[in-house]
Amino acid sequence: MDTKVGPDGVEALSGPSHMWGMTRTPNPADPARSASGFDLTPPDADERAELEADLSPEEKRVLLAHGTEAPFCGTLLGETRSGVFCCRECGLPLFRTGTKFESGTGWPSFTAPVDPDHVRAVRDTAYGMVRTETRCARCDSHQGHVFPDGPPPTGDRYCINSVALTFVAEGEPLPDPLTRGDGIA
C-alpha cells in the first residue's frame, strides 16, 4: 500500500485497498457516481465557499480543521428514528440508522456506511498514534475515525462526530445544497 503524506501527519491511503474494506469501487457507467448512484464530484471553489459559509464555528472546527466534539454532547448520539445520517457540509448520505449502535464512547457509532464509495479512509498519524480517519468522499470533510473493534457483521466501529452529520428521517428529502438531485431518505 502506498501512502501520500499530507498536512499535520495525515497520510492518504492509496493502492489496491484501504484499511477495513473501505475502497472506492469505480462505476464503469459514470466514474463520478457511487455504486448507489450518488454524484461524488467534489464541489468547485464557488460551491465550496457557499457550503462553508453555511457552517457554524463548531462545524467548521470539526469538518474543516479535523477537530473532535466533546463526548456525550452530540445531538445525534441518541437518535434512533429510521433514516439516514448525511454529511453536514454537502448532504451526501453516509450512514443508516440500521447500522447505528451504542458503543459507550460518547459519539454516534455505525458498523458500515450507506455505500463504501461515500466514505474515504485516510491514515491519520496525528497525536503520536495511528488511526484511520473517515472523510466524506464528495466534499472531503472530516467525519471521525473507524476502528476494528465494532460488533458483527463488519467488526468495524465508525466513530463519527454528531456535528459532522445531519439526520434525515426515512421518506424525507435528502439535503441537496449542491443541487445534484440526491433524492429521498
C-alpha atoms as a PDB file:
ATOM      1  CA  MET A   1       0.000   0.000   0.000  1.00  0.00           C
ATOM      2  CA  ASP A   2       1.358   3.414  -0.974  1.00  0.00           C
ATOM      3  CA  THR A   3       0.913   6.488   1.185  1.00  0.00           C
ATOM      4  CA  LYS A   4       0.974  10.175   0.392  1.00  0.00           C
ATOM      5  CA  VAL A   5       1.880  12.396   3.311  1.00  0.00           C
ATOM      6  CA  GLY A   6      -0.451  15.334   3.840  1.00  0.00           C
ATOM      7  CA  PRO A   7      -0.619  18.132   6.399  1.00  0.00           C
ATOM      8  CA  ASP A   8      -0.491  17.536  10.163  1.00  0.00           C
ATOM      9  CA  GLY A   9       0.726  13.934   9.978  1.00  0.00           C
ATOM     10  CA  VAL A  10      -2.170  12.709   7.844  1.00  0.00           C
ATOM     11  CA  GLU A  11      -1.368  10.268   5.076  1.00  0.00           C
ATOM     12  CA  ALA A  12      -3.878   9.481   2.333  1.00  0.00           C
ATOM     13  CA  LEU A  13      -4.027   5.770   1.581  1.00  0.00           C
ATOM     14  CA  SER A  14      -3.745   4.616  -2.000  1.00  0.00           C
ATOM     15  CA  GLY A  15      -3.046   1.320  -3.682  1.00  0.00           C
ATOM     16  CA  PRO A  16      -5.065  -1.860  -4.137  1.00  0.00           C
ATOM     17  CA  SER A  17      -7.140  -1.477  -0.952  1.00  0.00           C
ATOM     18  CA  HIS A  18      -7.805   0.723   2.038  1.00  0.00           C
ATOM     19  CA  MET A  19      -7.993  -0.457   5.625  1.00  0.00           C
ATOM     20  CA  TRP A  20     -11.099  -2.462   6.649  1.00  0.00           C
ATOM     21  CA  GLY A  21     -12.570  -2.728   3.165  1.00  0.00           C
ATOM     22  CA  MET A  22     -13.207   0.990   2.594  1.00  0.00           C
ATOM     23  CA  THR A  23     -12.472   1.024  -1.105  1.00  0.00           C
ATOM     24  CA  ARG A  24     -13.855   3.119  -3.914  1.00  0.00           C
ATOM     25  CA  THR A  25     -15.422   0.822  -6.491  1.00  0.00           C
ATOM     26  CA  PRO A  26     -15.489   2.704  -9.781  1.00  0.00           C
ATOM     27  CA  ASN A  27     -18.841   2.820 -11.503  1.00  0.00           C
ATOM     28  CA  PRO A  28     -17.939   1.951 -15.115  1.00  0.00           C
ATOM     29  CA  ALA A  29     -21.001   3.810 -16.439  1.00  0.00           C
ATOM     30  CA  ASP A  30     -20.014   7.067 -14.684  1.00  0.00           C
ATOM     31  CA  PRO A  31     -16.812   7.257 -12.610  1.00  0.00           C
ATOM     32  CA  ALA A  32     -18.113  10.389 -10.796  1.00  0.00           C
ATOM     33  CA  ARG A  33     -21.041   8.381  -9.371  1.00  0.00           C
ATOM     34  CA  SER A  34     -21.030   5.976  -6.455  1.00  0.00           C
ATOM     35  CA  ALA A  35     -22.221   2.402  -6.857  1.00  0.00           C
ATOM     36  CA  SER A  36     -25.533   3.540  -5.304  1.00  0.00           C
ATOM     37  CA  GLY A  37     -25.881   6.344  -7.883  1.00  0.00           C
ATOM     38  CA  PHE A  38     -24.841   9.497  -6.000  1.00  0.00           C
ATOM     39  CA  ASP A  39     -22.771  12.200  -7.692  1.00  0.00           C
ATOM     40  CA  LEU A  40     -19.367  12.271  -5.965  1.00  0.00           C
ATOM     41  CA  THR A  41     -17.936  15.168  -7.976  1.00  0.00           C
ATOM     42  CA  PRO A  42     -16.215  17.472  -5.466  1.00  0.00           C
ATOM     43  CA  PRO A  43     -17.674  20.961  -5.111  1.00  0.00           C
ATOM     44  CA  ASP A  44     -15.901  23.625  -7.156  1.00  0.00           C
ATOM     45  CA  ALA A  45     -14.345  26.648  -5.409  1.00  0.00           C
ATOM     46  CA  ASP A  46     -17.543  28.717  -5.511  1.00  0.00           C
ATOM     47  CA  GLU A  47     -19.714  25.836  -4.290  1.00  0.00           C
ATOM     48  CA  ARG A  48     -17.221  25.066  -1.510  1.00  0.00           C
ATOM     49  CA  ALA A  49     -17.221  28.706  -0.352  1.00  0.00           C
ATOM     50  CA  GLU A  50     -21.037  28.665  -0.242  1.00  0.00           C
ATOM     51  CA  LEU A  51     -21.120  25.352   1.691  1.00  0.00           C
ATOM     52  CA  GLU A  52     -18.537  26.552   4.215  1.00  0.00           C
ATOM     53  CA  ALA A  53     -20.327  29.893   4.725  1.00  0.00           C
ATOM     54  CA  ASP A  54     -23.353  27.918   5.976  1.00  0.00           C
ATOM     55  CA  LEU A  55     -21.380  26.171   8.762  1.00  0.00           C
ATOM     56  CA  SER A  56     -21.341  27.241  12.413  1.00  0.00           C
ATOM     57  CA  PRO A  57     -17.960  27.889  14.084  1.00  0.00           C
ATOM     58  CA  GLU A  58     -18.090  24.440  15.773  1.00  0.00           C
ATOM     59  CA  GLU A  59     -18.983  22.719  12.492  1.00  0.00           C
ATOM     60  CA  LYS A  60     -16.049  24.476  10.786  1.00  0.00           C
ATOM     61  CA  ARG A  61     -13.694  23.367  13.597  1.00  0.00           C
ATOM     62  CA  VAL A  62     -14.704  19.719  13.194  1.00  0.00           C
ATOM     63  CA  LEU A  63     -15.416  19.414   9.457  1.00  0.00           C
ATOM     64  CA  LEU A  64     -12.695  21.675   8.058  1.00  0.00           C
ATOM     65  CA  ALA A  65      -9.986  21.665  10.769  1.00  0.00           C
ATOM     66  CA  HIS A  66     -10.347  17.954  11.684  1.00  0.00           C
ATOM     67  CA  GLY A  67     -11.498  18.666  15.227  1.00  0.00           C
ATOM     68  CA  THR A  68     -13.448  16.439  17.607  1.00  0.00           C
ATOM     69  CA  GLU A  69     -16.541  17.369  19.566  1.00  0.00           C
ATOM     70  CA  ALA A  70     -16.689  16.549  23.269  1.00  0.00           C
ATOM     71  CA  PRO A  71     -18.009  13.040  24.029  1.00  0.00           C
ATOM     72  CA  PHE A  72     -21.627  12.574  25.152  1.00  0.00           C
ATOM     73  CA  CYS A  73     -22.564  16.083  23.942  1.00  0.00           C
ATOM     74  CA  GLY A  74     -23.591  15.446  20.323  1.00  0.00           C
ATOM     75  CA  THR A  75     -27.217  15.949  19.379  1.00  0.00           C
ATOM     76  CA  LEU A  76     -27.349  12.724  17.321  1.00  0.00           C
ATOM     77  CA  LEU A  77     -25.952  10.354  19.942  1.00  0.00           C
ATOM     78  CA  GLY A  78     -29.421   9.147  20.978  1.00  0.00           C
ATOM     79  CA  GLU A  79     -31.072   9.395  17.532  1.00  0.00           C
ATOM     80  CA  THR A  80     -32.895   6.112  16.845  1.00  0.00           C
ATOM     81  CA  ARG A  81     -35.567   7.042  14.288  1.00  0.00           C
ATOM     82  CA  SER A  82     -35.354   5.259  10.953  1.00  0.00           C
ATOM     83  CA  GLY A  83     -33.452   7.347   8.433  1.00  0.00           C
ATOM     84  CA  VAL A  84     -30.095   8.450   7.068  1.00  0.00           C
ATOM     85  CA  PHE A  85     -27.183  10.421   8.524  1.00  0.00           C
ATOM     86  CA  CYS A  86     -25.796  12.753   5.848  1.00  0.00           C
ATOM     87  CA  CYS A  87     -22.657  14.852   5.615  1.00  0.00           C
ATOM     88  CA  ARG A  88     -23.439  18.208   7.243  1.00  0.00           C
ATOM     89  CA  GLU A  89     -21.377  20.083   4.650  1.00  0.00           C
ATOM     90  CA  CYS A  90     -22.507  18.626   1.302  1.00  0.00           C
ATOM     91  CA  GLY A  91     -25.502  16.388   2.136  1.00  0.00           C
ATOM     92  CA  LEU A  92     -24.084  13.062   0.876  1.00  0.00           C
ATOM     93  CA  PRO A  93     -25.742  10.113   2.696  1.00  0.00           C
ATOM     94  CA  LEU A  94     -23.102   8.438   4.863  1.00  0.00           C
ATOM     95  CA  PHE A  95     -24.808   6.091   7.388  1.00  0.00           C
ATOM     96  CA  ARG A  96     -28.216   4.492   8.021  1.00  0.00           C
ATOM     97  CA  THR A  97     -29.939   4.116  11.381  1.00  0.00           C
ATOM     98  CA  GLY A  98     -29.916   0.328  10.903  1.00  0.00           C
ATOM     99  CA  THR A  99     -26.111   0.299  11.230  1.00  0.00           C
ATOM    100  CA  LYS A 100     -26.016   2.574  14.314  1.00  0.00           C
ATOM    101  CA  PHE A 101     -25.200   1.050  17.691  1.00  0.00           C
ATOM    102  CA  GLU A 102     -24.415   2.181  21.233  1.00  0.00           C
ATOM    103  CA  SER A 103     -20.641   1.898  21.635  1.00  0.00           C
ATOM    104  CA  GLY A 104     -20.376   3.643  25.003  1.00  0.00           C
ATOM    105  CA  THR A 105     -17.760   6.022  23.560  1.00  0.00           C
ATOM    106  CA  GLY A 106     -19.907   9.170  23.572  1.00  0.00           C
ATOM    107  CA  TRP A 107     -20.104   9.573  19.795  1.00  0.00           C
ATOM    108  CA  PRO A 108     -22.577   8.114  17.299  1.00  0.00           C
ATOM    109  CA  SER A 109     -21.186   4.783  16.108  1.00  0.00           C
ATOM    110  CA  PHE A 110     -22.014   2.769  13.000  1.00  0.00           C
ATOM    111  CA  THR A 111     -20.946  -0.619  11.627  1.00  0.00           C
ATOM    112  CA  ALA A 112     -20.925   0.368   7.922  1.00  0.00           C
ATOM    113  CA  PRO A 113     -21.521   3.297   5.584  1.00  0.00           C
ATOM    114  CA  VAL A 114     -24.558   3.596   3.291  1.00  0.00           C
ATOM    115  CA  ASP A 115     -22.162   2.953   0.398  1.00  0.00           C
ATOM    116  CA  PRO A 116     -18.406   2.312   0.778  1.00  0.00           C
ATOM    117  CA  ASP A 117     -17.891   4.836  -2.044  1.00  0.00           C
ATOM    118  CA  HIS A 118     -19.281   7.596   0.206  1.00  0.00           C
ATOM    119  CA  VAL A 119     -16.600   7.400   2.925  1.00  0.00           C
ATOM    120  CA  ARG A 120     -12.906   7.917   2.281  1.00  0.00           C
ATOM    121  CA  ALA A 121     -10.262   6.371   4.564  1.00  0.00           C
ATOM    122  CA  VAL A 122      -7.174   8.400   5.418  1.00  0.00           C
ATOM    123  CA  ARG A 123      -4.284   7.198   7.552  1.00  0.00           C
ATOM    124  CA  ASP A 124      -4.028   9.600  10.498  1.00  0.00           C
ATOM    125  CA  THR A 125      -0.750   9.667  12.451  1.00  0.00           C
ATOM    126  CA  ALA A 126      -1.528  12.809  14.465  1.00  0.00           C
ATOM    127  CA  TYR A 127      -1.079  12.812  18.250  1.00  0.00           C
ATOM    128  CA  GLY A 128       1.509  10.015  18.210  1.00  0.00           C
ATOM    129  CA  MET A 129      -0.918   7.240  17.230  1.00  0.00           C
ATOM    130  CA  VAL A 130      -2.036   5.564  14.027  1.00  0.00           C
ATOM    131  CA  ARG A 131      -5.760   5.712  13.286  1.00  0.00           C
ATOM    132  CA  THR A 132      -7.946   5.706  10.205  1.00  0.00           C
ATOM    133  CA  GLU A 133      -9.752   8.986   9.689  1.00  0.00           C
ATOM    134  CA  THR A 134     -13.046   8.973   7.798  1.00  0.00           C
ATOM    135  CA  ARG A 135     -13.907  11.779   5.392  1.00  0.00           C
ATOM    136  CA  CYS A 136     -16.850  12.476   3.137  1.00  0.00           C
ATOM    137  CA  ALA A 137     -15.912  11.210  -0.326  1.00  0.00           C
ATOM    138  CA  ARG A 138     -17.611  14.155  -2.041  1.00  0.00           C
ATOM    139  CA  CYS A 139     -16.517  17.261  -0.072  1.00  0.00           C
ATOM    140  CA  ASP A 140     -13.583  15.732   1.887  1.00  0.00           C
ATOM    141  CA  SER A 141     -14.903  16.972   5.255  1.00  0.00           C
ATOM    142  CA  HIS A 142     -13.662  15.260   8.412  1.00  0.00           C
ATOM    143  CA  GLN A 143     -16.292  12.957   9.915  1.00  0.00           C
ATOM    144  CA  GLY A 144     -14.451  10.949  12.567  1.00  0.00           C
ATOM    145  CA  HIS A 145     -12.470   7.692  12.673  1.00  0.00           C
ATOM    146  CA  VAL A 146     -13.067   3.986  12.053  1.00  0.00           C
ATOM    147  CA  PHE A 147     -11.734   1.284  14.390  1.00  0.00           C
ATOM    148  CA  PRO A 148     -11.663  -2.535  14.022  1.00  0.00           C
ATOM    149  CA  ASP A 149     -13.475  -3.167  17.340  1.00  0.00           C
ATOM    150  CA  GLY A 150     -17.136  -2.970  16.340  1.00  0.00           C
ATOM    151  CA  PRO A 151     -19.840  -5.617  16.527  1.00  0.00           C
ATOM    152  CA  PRO A 152     -20.771  -8.120  13.820  1.00  0.00           C
ATOM    153  CA  PRO A 153     -21.386  -8.269  10.967  1.00  0.00           C
ATOM    154  CA  THR A 154     -18.487  -5.967   9.963  1.00  0.00           C
ATOM    155  CA  GLY A 155     -16.407  -5.708  13.133  1.00  0.00           C
ATOM    156  CA  ASP A 156     -15.971  -2.003  12.339  1.00  0.00           C
ATOM    157  CA  ARG A 157     -16.833   0.972  14.556  1.00  0.00           C
ATOM    158  CA  TYR A 158     -17.245   4.205  12.633  1.00  0.00           C
ATOM    159  CA  CYS A 159     -16.990   6.745  15.456  1.00  0.00           C
ATOM    160  CA  ILE A 160     -18.482   9.943  13.993  1.00  0.00           C
ATOM    161  CA  ASN A 161     -18.908  13.487  15.307  1.00  0.00           C
ATOM    162  CA  SER A 162     -22.615  14.457  15.582  1.00  0.00           C
ATOM    163  CA  VAL A 163     -21.795  17.960  14.375  1.00  0.00           C
ATOM    164  CA  ALA A 164     -20.434  16.433  11.131  1.00  0.00           C
ATOM    165  CA  LEU A 165     -23.819  14.892  10.343  1.00  0.00           C
ATOM    166  CA  THR A 166     -27.396  15.881   9.536  1.00  0.00           C
ATOM    167  CA  PHE A 167     -30.149  13.359  10.281  1.00  0.00           C
ATOM    168  CA  VAL A 168     -32.917  12.860   7.700  1.00  0.00           C
ATOM    169  CA  ALA A 169     -35.933  10.765   8.686  1.00  0.00           C
ATOM    170  CA  GLU A 170     -36.975   7.981   6.323  1.00  0.00           C
ATOM    171  CA  GLY A 171     -39.152   9.291   3.490  1.00  0.00           C
ATOM    172  CA  GLU A 172     -37.946  12.905   3.851  1.00  0.00           C
ATOM    173  CA  PRO A 173     -35.949  14.724   1.133  1.00  0.00           C
ATOM    174  CA  LEU A 174     -32.194  14.486   1.490  1.00  0.00           C
ATOM    175  CA  PRO A 175     -30.278  17.742   1.905  1.00  0.00           C
ATOM    176  CA  ASP A 176     -29.088  18.793  -1.529  1.00  0.00           C
ATOM    177  CA  PRO A 177     -27.077  22.024  -1.168  1.00  0.00           C
ATOM    178  CA  LEU A 178     -25.195  21.272  -4.403  1.00  0.00           C
ATOM    179  CA  THR A 179     -28.480  20.704  -6.315  1.00  0.00           C
ATOM    180  CA  ARG A 180     -27.430  17.283  -7.549  1.00  0.00           C
ATOM    181  CA  GLY A 181     -30.842  15.630  -7.248  1.00  0.00           C
ATOM    182  CA  ASP A 182     -29.874  13.430  -4.306  1.00  0.00           C
ATOM    183  CA  GLY A 183     -33.455  12.240  -3.652  1.00  0.00           C
ATOM    184  CA  ILE A 184     -35.264  10.870  -0.588  1.00  0.00           C
ATOM    185  CA  ALA A 185     -34.001   9.087   2.555  1.00  0.00           C
END
